Amino acid sequence: MAFILKQNDTSPAISAVLRDSSGAAIDLSSASAVFHMKAVGASTLKVDASASVTDPENGAIQYDWASGDTDTPGTYYAEFKVTYTDGSVESFPNTENLLVTIIPGLS
């Protein structure tokens, strides 16, 4: 999955439906989640913030960009990290990273 937005834009939010290996939606009831994003080749995260579970039964999640999240053009890897009620943690997507591209703005 690739997501593209312009420098300093905070809309649209980045969203996903989280699924297991058989394609069934993950039940996110009572789970919490964070969104992580870092520049390709970087060792530190650009974004480490809470994500919103928007439809728990159907595995829907989103991150609403904050000021400063998209201020630096470049290519980034991103993931949603879910913590379940039993304390276990799972990252989505499982087999790759989301690719976020921030392109320079004109002003």
PDB file of N, CA and C in Angstrom:
ATOM      1  N   MET A   1       0.845  -1.179   0.000  1.00  0.00           N
ATOM      2  CA  MET A   1       0.000   0.000   0.000  1.00  0.00           C
ATOM      3  C   MET A   1       0.885   1.236   0.000  1.00  0.00           C
ATOM      4  N   ALA A   2       0.558   2.185  -0.850  1.00  0.00           N
ATOM      5  CA  ALA A   2       1.297   3.445  -0.901  1.00  0.00           C
ATOM      6  C   ALA A   2       0.345   4.597  -0.574  1.00  0.00           C
ATOM      7  N   PHE A   3       0.866   5.586   0.084  1.00  0.00           N
ATOM      8  CA  PHE A   3       0.091   6.765   0.469  1.00  0.00           C
ATOM      9  C   PHE A   3       0.920   7.981   0.117  1.00  0.00           C
ATOM     10  N   ILE A   4       0.334   8.922  -0.619  1.00  0.00           N
ATOM     11  CA  ILE A   4       1.063  10.116  -1.073  1.00  0.00           C
ATOM     12  C   ILE A   4       0.316  11.355  -0.603  1.00  0.00           C
ATOM     13  N   LEU A   5       1.065  12.319  -0.079  1.00  0.00           N
ATOM     14  CA  LEU A   5       0.491  13.616   0.245  1.00  0.00           C
ATOM     15  C   LEU A   5       1.563  14.685   0.113  1.00  0.00           C
ATOM     16  N   LYS A   6       1.109  15.932   0.082  1.00  0.00           N
ATOM     17  CA  LYS A   6       2.040  17.042  -0.075  1.00  0.00           C
ATOM     18  C   LYS A   6       2.559  17.521   1.273  1.00  0.00           C
ATOM     19  N   GLN A   7       3.727  18.118   1.210  1.00  0.00           N
ATOM     20  CA  GLN A   7       4.402  18.678   2.376  1.00  0.00           C
ATOM     21  C   GLN A   7       3.447  19.573   3.161  1.00  0.00           C
ATOM     22  N   ASN A   8       3.403  19.371   4.472  1.00  0.00           N
ATOM     23  CA  ASN A   8       2.606  20.130   5.432  1.00  0.00           C
ATOM     24  C   ASN A   8       1.108  19.864   5.380  1.00  0.00           C
ATOM     25  N   ASP A   9       0.641  18.973   4.508  1.00  0.00           N
ATOM     26  CA  ASP A   9      -0.772  18.616   4.502  1.00  0.00           C
ATOM     27  C   ASP A   9      -1.067  17.713   5.700  1.00  0.00           C
ATOM     28  N   THR A  10      -2.237  17.882   6.279  1.00  0.00           N
ATOM     29  CA  THR A  10      -2.675  17.024   7.377  1.00  0.00           C
ATOM     30  C   THR A  10      -3.977  16.293   7.021  1.00  0.00           C
ATOM     31  N   SER A  11      -4.345  16.352   5.766  1.00  0.00           N
ATOM     32  CA  SER A  11      -5.522  15.650   5.278  1.00  0.00           C
ATOM     33  C   SER A  11      -5.213  15.116   3.896  1.00  0.00           C
ATOM     34  N   PRO A  12      -5.661  13.927   3.570  1.00  0.00           N
ATOM     35  CA  PRO A  12      -6.536  13.047   4.339  1.00  0.00           C
ATOM     36  C   PRO A  12      -5.766  12.229   5.365  1.00  0.00           C
ATOM     37  N   ALA A  13      -6.513  11.703   6.321  1.00  0.00           N
ATOM     38  CA  ALA A  13      -5.927  10.783   7.300  1.00  0.00           C
ATOM     39  C   ALA A  13      -5.491   9.514   6.577  1.00  0.00           C
ATOM     40  N   ILE A  14      -4.557   8.801   7.165  1.00  0.00           N
ATOM     41  CA  ILE A  14      -4.158   7.503   6.617  1.00  0.00           C
ATOM     42  C   ILE A  14      -4.966   6.438   7.361  1.00  0.00           C
ATOM     43  N   SER A  15      -5.623   5.579   6.607  1.00  0.00           N
ATOM     44  CA  SER A  15      -6.490   4.585   7.234  1.00  0.00           C
ATOM     45  C   SER A  15      -6.276   3.218   6.596  1.00  0.00           C
ATOM     46  N   ALA A  16      -6.719   2.195   7.310  1.00  0.00           N
ATOM     47  CA  ALA A  16      -6.570   0.828   6.820  1.00  0.00           C
ATOM     48  C   ALA A  16      -7.598  -0.061   7.503  1.00  0.00           C
ATOM     49  N   VAL A  17      -7.860  -1.181   6.877  1.00  0.00           N
ATOM     50  CA  VAL A  17      -8.622  -2.259   7.504  1.00  0.00           C
ATOM     51  C   VAL A  17      -7.612  -3.374   7.752  1.00  0.00           C
ATOM     52  N   LEU A  18      -7.434  -3.725   9.013  1.00  0.00           N
ATOM     53  CA  LEU A  18      -6.433  -4.714   9.397  1.00  0.00           C
ATOM     54  C   LEU A  18      -7.029  -6.108   9.258  1.00  0.00           C
ATOM     55  N   ARG A  19      -6.291  -7.002   8.583  1.00  0.00           N
ATOM     56  CA  ARG A  19      -6.785  -8.349   8.292  1.00  0.00           C
ATOM     57  C   ARG A  19      -5.756  -9.405   8.698  1.00  0.00           C
ATOM     58  N   ASP A  20      -6.268 -10.593   9.012  1.00  0.00           N
ATOM     59  CA  ASP A  20      -5.383 -11.708   9.308  1.00  0.00           C
ATOM     60  C   ASP A  20      -4.956 -12.391   8.012  1.00  0.00           C
ATOM     61  N   SER A  21      -4.178 -13.454   8.116  1.00  0.00           N
ATOM     62  CA  SER A  21      -3.628 -14.110   6.928  1.00  0.00           C
ATOM     63  C   SER A  21      -4.693 -14.736   6.028  1.00  0.00           C
ATOM     64  N   SER A  22      -5.887 -14.994   6.556  1.00  0.00           N
ATOM     65  CA  SER A  22      -6.966 -15.553   5.727  1.00  0.00           C
ATOM     66  C   SER A  22      -7.841 -14.460   5.118  1.00  0.00           C
ATOM     67  N   GLY A  23      -7.541 -13.196   5.446  1.00  0.00           N
ATOM     68  CA  GLY A  23      -8.294 -12.074   4.892  1.00  0.00           C
ATOM     69  C   GLY A  23      -9.433 -11.590   5.766  1.00  0.00           C
ATOM     70  N   ALA A  24      -9.634 -12.226   6.920  1.00  0.00           N
ATOM     71  CA  ALA A  24     -10.688 -11.798   7.840  1.00  0.00           C
ATOM     72  C   ALA A  24     -10.238 -10.559   8.606  1.00  0.00           C
ATOM     73  N   ALA A  25     -11.180  -9.639   8.837  1.00  0.00           N
ATOM     74  CA  ALA A  25     -10.873  -8.427   9.593  1.00  0.00           C
ATOM     75  C   ALA A  25     -10.481  -8.793  11.023  1.00  0.00           C
ATOM     76  N   ILE A  26      -9.475  -8.107  11.543  1.00  0.00           N
ATOM     77  CA  ILE A  26      -9.023  -8.287  12.924  1.00  0.00           C
ATOM     78  C   ILE A  26     -10.008  -7.577  13.848  1.00  0.00           C
ATOM     79  N   ASP A  27     -10.432  -8.243  14.904  1.00  0.00           N
ATOM     80  CA  ASP A  27     -11.316  -7.612  15.888  1.00  0.00           C
ATOM     81  C   ASP A  27     -10.459  -6.740  16.802  1.00  0.00           C
ATOM     82  N   LEU A  28     -10.695  -5.444  16.745  1.00  0.00           N
ATOM     83  CA  LEU A  28      -9.906  -4.489  17.524  1.00  0.00           C
ATOM     84  C   LEU A  28     -10.639  -3.999  18.767  1.00  0.00           C
ATOM     85  N   SER A  29     -11.721  -4.691  19.140  1.00  0.00           N
ATOM     86  CA  SER A  29     -12.459  -4.313  20.344  1.00  0.00           C
ATOM     87  C   SER A  29     -11.521  -4.336  21.544  1.00  0.00           C
ATOM     88  N   SER A  30     -11.500  -3.253  22.283  1.00  0.00           N
ATOM     89  CA  SER A  30     -10.669  -3.092  23.486  1.00  0.00           C
ATOM     90  C   SER A  30      -9.176  -3.049  23.194  1.00  0.00           C
ATOM     91  N   ALA A  31      -8.779  -3.011  21.935  1.00  0.00           N
ATOM     92  CA  ALA A  31      -7.353  -2.903  21.587  1.00  0.00           C
ATOM     93  C   ALA A  31      -6.972  -1.421  21.489  1.00  0.00           C
ATOM     94  N   SER A  32      -5.691  -1.155  21.639  1.00  0.00           N
ATOM     95  CA  SER A  32      -5.172   0.193  21.415  1.00  0.00           C
ATOM     96  C   SER A  32      -4.159   0.112  20.278  1.00  0.00           C
ATOM     97  N   ALA A  33      -3.876   1.267  19.669  1.00  0.00           N
ATOM     98  CA  ALA A  33      -2.971   1.256  18.522  1.00  0.00           C
ATOM     99  C   ALA A  33      -2.161   2.529  18.446  1.00  0.00           C
ATOM    100  N   VAL A  34      -0.981   2.395  17.849  1.00  0.00           N
ATOM    101  CA  VAL A  34      -0.135   3.547  17.555  1.00  0.00           C
ATOM    102  C   VAL A  34       0.249   3.489  16.083  1.00  0.00           C
ATOM    103  N   PHE A  35       0.626   4.635  15.562  1.00  0.00           N
ATOM    104  CA  PHE A  35       1.106   4.751  14.190  1.00  0.00           C
ATOM    105  C   PHE A  35       2.572   5.140  14.264  1.00  0.00           C
ATOM    106  N   HIS A  36       3.397   4.386  13.552  1.00  0.00           N
ATOM    107  CA  HIS A  36       4.833   4.674  13.481  1.00  0.00           C
ATOM    108  C   HIS A  36       5.199   5.004  12.038  1.00  0.00           C
ATOM    109  N   MET A  37       6.074   6.002  11.867  1.00  0.00           N
ATOM    110  CA  MET A  37       6.580   6.336  10.543  1.00  0.00           C
ATOM    111  C   MET A  37       8.010   6.830  10.685  1.00  0.00           C
ATOM    112  N   LYS A  38       8.878   6.328   9.801  1.00  0.00           N
ATOM    113  CA  LYS A  38      10.259   6.826   9.787  1.00  0.00           C
ATOM    114  C   LYS A  38      10.746   6.890   8.350  1.00  0.00           C
ATOM    115  N   ALA A  39      11.648   7.812   8.099  1.00  0.00           N
ATOM    116  CA  ALA A  39      12.220   7.969   6.764  1.00  0.00           C
ATOM    117  C   ALA A  39      12.999   6.722   6.387  1.00  0.00           C
ATOM    118  N   VAL A  40      12.931   6.364   5.111  1.00  0.00           N
ATOM    119  CA  VAL A  40      13.708   5.228   4.619  1.00  0.00           C
ATOM    120  C   VAL A  40      15.182   5.501   4.918  1.00  0.00           C
ATOM    121  N   GLY A  41      15.845   4.574   5.567  1.00  0.00           N
ATOM    122  CA  GLY A  41      17.251   4.717   5.916  1.00  0.00           C
ATOM    123  C   GLY A  41      17.504   5.367   7.259  1.00  0.00           C
ATOM    124  N   ALA A  42      16.459   5.905   7.891  1.00  0.00           N
ATOM    125  CA  ALA A  42      16.613   6.567   9.193  1.00  0.00           C
ATOM    126  C   ALA A  42      16.576   5.535  10.313  1.00  0.00           C
ATOM    127  N   SER A  43      17.110   5.915  11.455  1.00  0.00           N
ATOM    128  CA  SER A  43      17.078   5.015  12.604  1.00  0.00           C
ATOM    129  C   SER A  43      16.074   5.477  13.662  1.00  0.00           C
ATOM    130  N   THR A  44      15.562   6.691  13.522  1.00  0.00           N
ATOM    131  CA  THR A  44      14.603   7.200  14.499  1.00  0.00           C
ATOM    132  C   THR A  44      13.249   7.455  13.832  1.00  0.00           C
ATOM    133  N   LEU A  45      12.209   7.338  14.631  1.00  0.00           N
ATOM    134  CA  LEU A  45      10.855   7.550  14.128  1.00  0.00           C
ATOM    135  C   LEU A  45      10.567   9.032  13.920  1.00  0.00           C
ATOM    136  N   LYS A  46       9.907   9.342  12.835  1.00  0.00           N
ATOM    137  CA  LYS A  46       9.388  10.697  12.588  1.00  0.00           C
ATOM    138  C   LYS A  46       8.056  10.857  13.314  1.00  0.00           C
ATOM    139  N   VAL A  47       7.250   9.785  13.329  1.00  0.00           N
ATOM    140  CA  VAL A  47       5.945   9.809  14.001  1.00  0.00           C
ATOM    141  C   VAL A  47       5.830   8.582  14.902  1.00  0.00           C
ATOM    142  N   ASP A  48       5.435   8.807  16.131  1.00  0.00           N
ATOM    143  CA  ASP A  48       5.136   7.761  17.111  1.00  0.00           C
ATOM    144  C   ASP A  48       3.961   8.293  17.912  1.00  0.00           C
ATOM    145  N   ALA A  49       2.730   8.002  17.441  1.00  0.00           N
ATOM    146  CA  ALA A  49       1.547   8.629  18.024  1.00  0.00           C
ATOM    147  C   ALA A  49       0.362   7.668  18.020  1.00  0.00           C
ATOM    148  N   SER A  50      -0.600   7.959  18.857  1.00  0.00           N
ATOM    149  CA  SER A  50      -1.807   7.137  18.947  1.00  0.00           C
ATOM    150  C   SER A  50      -2.587   7.161  17.646  1.00  0.00           C
ATOM    151  N   ALA A  51      -3.113   6.000  17.291  1.00  0.00           N
ATOM    152  CA  ALA A  51      -4.009   5.869  16.145  1.00  0.00           C
ATOM    153  C   ALA A  51      -5.411   5.610  16.694  1.00  0.00           C
ATOM    154  N   SER A  52      -6.422   5.878  15.883  1.00  0.00           N
ATOM    155  CA  SER A  52      -7.805   5.688  16.295  1.00  0.00           C
ATOM    156  C   SER A  52      -8.379   4.419  15.689  1.00  0.00           C
ATOM    157  N   VAL A  53      -9.010   3.618  16.530  1.00  0.00           N
ATOM    158  CA  VAL A  53      -9.762   2.468  16.041  1.00  0.00           C
ATOM    159  C   VAL A  53     -11.148   3.002  15.700  1.00  0.00           C
ATOM    160  N   THR A  54     -11.486   3.022  14.417  1.00  0.00           N
ATOM    161  CA  THR A  54     -12.719   3.668  13.972  1.00  0.00           C
ATOM    162  C   THR A  54     -13.899   2.712  13.834  1.00  0.00           C
ATOM    163  N   ASP A  55     -13.631   1.438  13.636  1.00  0.00           N
ATOM    164  CA  ASP A  55     -14.678   0.417  13.538  1.00  0.00           C
ATOM    165  C   ASP A  55     -14.073  -0.885  14.065  1.00  0.00           C
ATOM    166  N   PRO A  56     -14.132  -1.107  15.384  1.00  0.00           N
ATOM    167  CA  PRO A  56     -13.409  -2.217  16.000  1.00  0.00           C
ATOM    168  C   PRO A  56     -13.760  -3.591  15.439  1.00  0.00           C
ATOM    169  N   GLU A  57     -15.033  -3.859  15.241  1.00  0.00           N
ATOM    170  CA  GLU A  57     -15.453  -5.182  14.782  1.00  0.00           C
ATOM    171  C   GLU A  57     -14.977  -5.479  13.370  1.00  0.00           C
ATOM    172  N   ASN A  58     -14.778  -4.442  12.562  1.00  0.00           N
ATOM    173  CA  ASN A  58     -14.365  -4.630  11.168  1.00  0.00           C
ATOM    174  C   ASN A  58     -12.903  -4.276  10.916  1.00  0.00           C
ATOM    175  N   GLY A  59     -12.115  -4.104  11.990  1.00  0.00           N
ATOM    176  CA  GLY A  59     -10.676  -3.899  11.865  1.00  0.00           C
ATOM    177  C   GLY A  59     -10.236  -2.572  11.290  1.00  0.00           C
ATOM    178  N   ALA A  60     -11.110  -1.550  11.339  1.00  0.00           N
ATOM    179  CA  ALA A  60     -10.774  -0.249  10.741  1.00  0.00           C
ATOM    180  C   ALA A  60     -10.008   0.629  11.730  1.00  0.00           C
ATOM    181  N   ILE A  61      -8.970   1.258  11.192  1.00  0.00           N
ATOM    182  CA  ILE A  61      -8.069   2.078  12.007  1.00  0.00           C
ATOM    183  C   ILE A  61      -7.631   3.285  11.182  1.00  0.00           C
ATOM    184  N   GLN A  62      -7.264   4.379  11.851  1.00  0.00           N
ATOM    185  CA  GLN A  62      -6.734   5.526  11.106  1.00  0.00           C
ATOM    186  C   GLN A  62      -5.828   6.366  11.983  1.00  0.00           C
ATOM    187  N   TYR A  63      -4.974   7.110  11.298  1.00  0.00           N
ATOM    188  CA  TYR A  63      -4.119   8.082  11.970  1.00  0.00           C
ATOM    189  C   TYR A  63      -4.390   9.430  11.342  1.00  0.00           C
ATOM    190  N   ASP A  64      -4.709  10.415  12.194  1.00  0.00           N
ATOM    191  CA  ASP A  64      -4.921  11.789  11.751  1.00  0.00           C
ATOM    192  C   ASP A  64      -3.606  12.537  11.908  1.00  0.00           C
ATOM    193  N   TRP A  65      -3.079  13.022  10.798  1.00  0.00           N
ATOM    194  CA  TRP A  65      -1.783  13.700  10.792  1.00  0.00           C
ATOM    195  C   TRP A  65      -1.796  14.900  11.728  1.00  0.00           C
ATOM    196  N   ALA A  66      -0.714  15.101  12.442  1.00  0.00           N
ATOM    197  CA  ALA A  66      -0.530  16.260  13.314  1.00  0.00           C
ATOM    198  C   ALA A  66       0.437  17.234  12.647  1.00  0.00           C
ATOM    199  N   SER A  67       0.403  18.461  13.080  1.00  0.00           N
ATOM    200  CA  SER A  67       1.326  19.469  12.573  1.00  0.00           C
ATOM    201  C   SER A  67       2.754  18.981  12.783  1.00  0.00           C
ATOM    202  N   GLY A  68       3.580  19.067  11.751  1.00  0.00           N
ATOM    203  CA  GLY A  68       4.974  18.627  11.821  1.00  0.00           C
ATOM    204  C   GLY A  68       5.204  17.219  11.299  1.00  0.00           C
ATOM    205  N   ASP A  69       4.146  16.405  11.219  1.00  0.00           N
ATOM    206  CA  ASP A  69       4.310  15.033  10.729  1.00  0.00           C
ATOM    207  C   ASP A  69       4.745  14.984   9.272  1.00  0.00           C
ATOM    208  N   THR A  70       4.286  15.946   8.487  1.00  0.00           N
ATOM    209  CA  THR A  70       4.517  15.912   7.035  1.00  0.00           C
ATOM    210  C   THR A  70       5.342  17.100   6.554  1.00  0.00           C
ATOM    211  N   ASP A  71       6.150  17.666   7.439  1.00  0.00           N
ATOM    212  CA  ASP A  71       6.905  18.872   7.074  1.00  0.00           C
ATOM    213  C   ASP A  71       8.174  18.593   6.270  1.00  0.00           C
ATOM    214  N   THR A  72       8.582  17.339   6.173  1.00  0.00           N
ATOM    215  CA  THR A  72       9.821  17.004   5.481  1.00  0.00           C
ATOM    216  C   THR A  72       9.542  16.069   4.305  1.00  0.00           C
ATOM    217  N   PRO A  73       9.714  16.572   3.069  1.00  0.00           N
ATOM    218  CA  PRO A  73       9.497  15.700   1.910  1.00  0.00           C
ATOM    219  C   PRO A  73      10.426  14.488   1.954  1.00  0.00           C
ATOM    220  N   GLY A  74       9.929  13.382   1.435  1.00  0.00           N
ATOM    221  CA  GLY A  74      10.740  12.175   1.388  1.00  0.00           C
ATOM    222  C   GLY A  74       9.878  10.941   1.330  1.00  0.00           C
ATOM    223  N   THR A  75      10.541   9.798   1.413  1.00  0.00           N
ATOM    224  CA  THR A  75       9.874   8.506   1.396  1.00  0.00           C
ATOM    225  C   THR A  75      10.018   7.888   2.777  1.00  0.00           C
ATOM    226  N   TYR A  76       8.923   7.373   3.289  1.00  0.00           N
ATOM    227  CA  TYR A  76       8.859   6.872   4.650  1.00  0.00           C
ATOM    228  C   TYR A  76       8.248   5.474   4.684  1.00  0.00           C
ATOM    229  N   TYR A  77       8.665   4.691   5.669  1.00  0.00           N
ATOM    230  CA  TYR A  77       7.999   3.432   5.987  1.00  0.00           C
ATOM    231  C   TYR A  77       7.080   3.700   7.168  1.00  0.00           C
ATOM    232  N   ALA A  78       5.925   3.023   7.182  1.00  0.00           N
ATOM    233  CA  ALA A  78       4.970   3.232   8.268  1.00  0.00           C
ATOM    234  C   ALA A  78       4.292   1.922   8.632  1.00  0.00           C
ATOM    235  N   GLU A  79       3.735   1.889   9.840  1.00  0.00           N
ATOM    236  CA  GLU A  79       2.991   0.730  10.307  1.00  0.00           C
ATOM    237  C   GLU A  79       2.033   1.147  11.413  1.00  0.00           C
ATOM    238  N   PHE A  80       1.000   0.337  11.585  1.00  0.00           N
ATOM    239  CA  PHE A  80       0.120   0.436  12.739  1.00  0.00           C
ATOM    240  C   PHE A  80       0.532  -0.678  13.693  1.00  0.00           C
ATOM    241  N   LYS A  81       0.715  -0.349  14.957  1.00  0.00           N
ATOM    242  CA  LYS A  81       1.104  -1.340  15.960  1.00  0.00           C
ATOM    243  C   LYS A  81      -0.046  -1.441  16.970  1.00  0.00           C
ATOM    244  N   VAL A  82      -0.650  -2.641  17.041  1.00  0.00           N
ATOM    245  CA  VAL A  82      -1.830  -2.880  17.862  1.00  0.00           C
ATOM    246  C   VAL A  82      -1.435  -3.631  19.131  1.00  0.00           C
ATOM    247  N   THR A  83      -1.948  -3.170  20.261  1.00  0.00           N
ATOM    248  CA  THR A  83      -1.777  -3.876  21.526  1.00  0.00           C
ATOM    249  C   THR A  83      -3.145  -4.395  21.948  1.00  0.00           C
ATOM    250  N   TYR A  84      -3.238  -5.718  22.092  1.00  0.00           N
ATOM    251  CA  TYR A  84      -4.487  -6.368  22.471  1.00  0.00           C
ATOM    252  C   TYR A  84      -4.658  -6.361  23.987  1.00  0.00           C
ATOM    253  N   THR A  85      -5.848  -6.684  24.461  1.00  0.00           N
ATOM    254  CA  THR A  85      -6.140  -6.647  25.899  1.00  0.00           C
ATOM    255  C   THR A  85      -5.272  -7.603  26.711  1.00  0.00           C
ATOM    256  N   ASP A  86      -4.777  -8.673  26.084  1.00  0.00           N
ATOM    257  CA  ASP A  86      -3.907  -9.609  26.815  1.00  0.00           C
ATOM    258  C   ASP A  86      -2.450  -9.150  26.847  1.00  0.00           C
ATOM    259  N   GLY A  87      -2.175  -7.959  26.260  1.00  0.00           N
ATOM    260  CA  GLY A  87      -0.818  -7.413  26.261  1.00  0.00           C
ATOM    261  C   GLY A  87       0.008  -7.786  25.052  1.00  0.00           C
ATOM    262  N   SER A  88      -0.485  -8.679  24.215  1.00  0.00           N
ATOM    263  CA  SER A  88       0.271  -9.042  23.014  1.00  0.00           C
ATOM    264  C   SER A  88       0.229  -7.899  22.011  1.00  0.00           C
ATOM    265  N   VAL A  89       1.255  -7.824  21.176  1.00  0.00           N
ATOM    266  CA  VAL A  89       1.426  -6.732  20.215  1.00  0.00           C
ATOM    267  C   VAL A  89       1.568  -7.319  18.822  1.00  0.00           C
ATOM    268  N   GLU A  90       0.921  -6.679  17.851  1.00  0.00           N
ATOM    269  CA  GLU A  90       1.015  -7.114  16.458  1.00  0.00           C
ATOM    270  C   GLU A  90       1.116  -5.884  15.570  1.00  0.00           C
ATOM    271  N   SER A  91       2.001  -5.953  14.568  1.00  0.00           N
ATOM    272  CA  SER A  91       2.201  -4.847  13.632  1.00  0.00           C
ATOM    273  C   SER A  91       1.497  -5.140  12.317  1.00  0.00           C
ATOM    274  N   PHE A  92       0.947  -4.098  11.716  1.00  0.00           N
ATOM    275  CA  PHE A  92       0.258  -4.207  10.428  1.00  0.00           C
ATOM    276  C   PHE A  92       0.775  -3.141   9.483  1.00  0.00           C
ATOM    277  N   PRO A  93       0.992  -3.471   8.225  1.00  0.00           N
ATOM    278  CA  PRO A  93       0.871  -4.824   7.699  1.00  0.00           C
ATOM    279  C   PRO A  93       1.969  -5.728   8.249  1.00  0.00           C
ATOM    280  N   ASN A  94       1.710  -7.054   8.203  1.00  0.00           N
ATOM    281  CA  ASN A  94       2.642  -8.024   8.784  1.00  0.00           C
ATOM    282  C   ASN A  94       3.812  -8.343   7.868  1.00  0.00           C
ATOM    283  N   THR A  95       3.608  -8.314   6.562  1.00  0.00           N
ATOM    284  CA  THR A  95       4.606  -8.816   5.621  1.00  0.00           C
ATOM    285  C   THR A  95       5.406  -7.734   4.914  1.00  0.00           C
ATOM    286  N   GLU A  96       5.081  -6.485   5.165  1.00  0.00           N
ATOM    287  CA  GLU A  96       5.781  -5.361   4.537  1.00  0.00           C
ATOM    288  C   GLU A  96       5.486  -4.113   5.341  1.00  0.00           C
ATOM    289  N   ASN A  97       6.039  -2.999   4.932  1.00  0.00           N
ATOM    290  CA  ASN A  97       5.723  -1.711   5.545  1.00  0.00           C
ATOM    291  C   ASN A  97       4.840  -0.917   4.606  1.00  0.00           C
ATOM    292  N   LEU A  98       4.016  -0.061   5.171  1.00  0.00           N
ATOM    293  CA  LEU A  98       3.300   0.903   4.348  1.00  0.00           C
ATOM    294  C   LEU A  98       4.334   1.865   3.791  1.00  0.00           C
ATOM    295  N   LEU A  99       4.122   2.350   2.606  1.00  0.00           N
ATOM    296  CA  LEU A  99       5.028   3.318   2.003  1.00  0.00           C
ATOM    297  C   LEU A  99       4.309   4.662   1.942  1.00  0.00           C
ATOM    298  N   VAL A 100       4.876   5.666   2.589  1.00  0.00           N
ATOM    299  CA  VAL A 100       4.321   7.019   2.592  1.00  0.00           C
ATOM    300  C   VAL A 100       5.304   7.921   1.874  1.00  0.00           C
ATOM    301  N   THR A 101       4.815   8.660   0.886  1.00  0.00           N
ATOM    302  CA  THR A 101       5.643   9.611   0.167  1.00  0.00           C
ATOM    303  C   THR A 101       5.099  11.014   0.406  1.00  0.00           C
ATOM    304  N   ILE A 102       5.959  11.896   0.854  1.00  0.00           N
ATOM    305  CA  ILE A 102       5.592  13.302   1.040  1.00  0.00           C
ATOM    306  C   ILE A 102       6.318  14.084  -0.033  1.00  0.00           C
ATOM    307  N   ILE A 103       5.548  14.705  -0.915  1.00  0.00           N
ATOM    308  CA  ILE A 103       6.144  15.455  -2.011  1.00  0.00           C
ATOM    309  C   ILE A 103       6.201  16.936  -1.648  1.00  0.00           C
ATOM    310  N   PRO A 104       7.197  17.667  -2.171  1.00  0.00           N
ATOM    311  CA  PRO A 104       7.326  19.077  -1.832  1.00  0.00           C
ATOM    312  C   PRO A 104       6.101  19.883  -2.250  1.00  0.00           C
ATOM    313  N   GLY A 105       5.724  20.827  -1.418  1.00  0.00           N
ATOM    314  CA  GLY A 105       4.645  21.759  -1.745  1.00  0.00           C
ATOM    315  C   GLY A 105       5.202  22.897  -2.582  1.00  0.00           C
ATOM    316  N   LEU A 106       4.331  23.694  -3.130  1.00  0.00           N
ATOM    317  CA  LEU A 106       4.752  24.820  -3.963  1.00  0.00           C
ATOM    318  C   LEU A 106       4.977  26.093  -3.161  1.00  0.00           C
ATOM    319  N   SER A 107       4.545  26.091  -1.916  1.00  0.00           N
ATOM    320  CA  SER A 107       4.750  27.306  -1.115  1.00  0.00           C
ATOM    321  C   SER A 107       5.237  26.958   0.268  1.00  0.00           C
TER     322      SER A 107
END
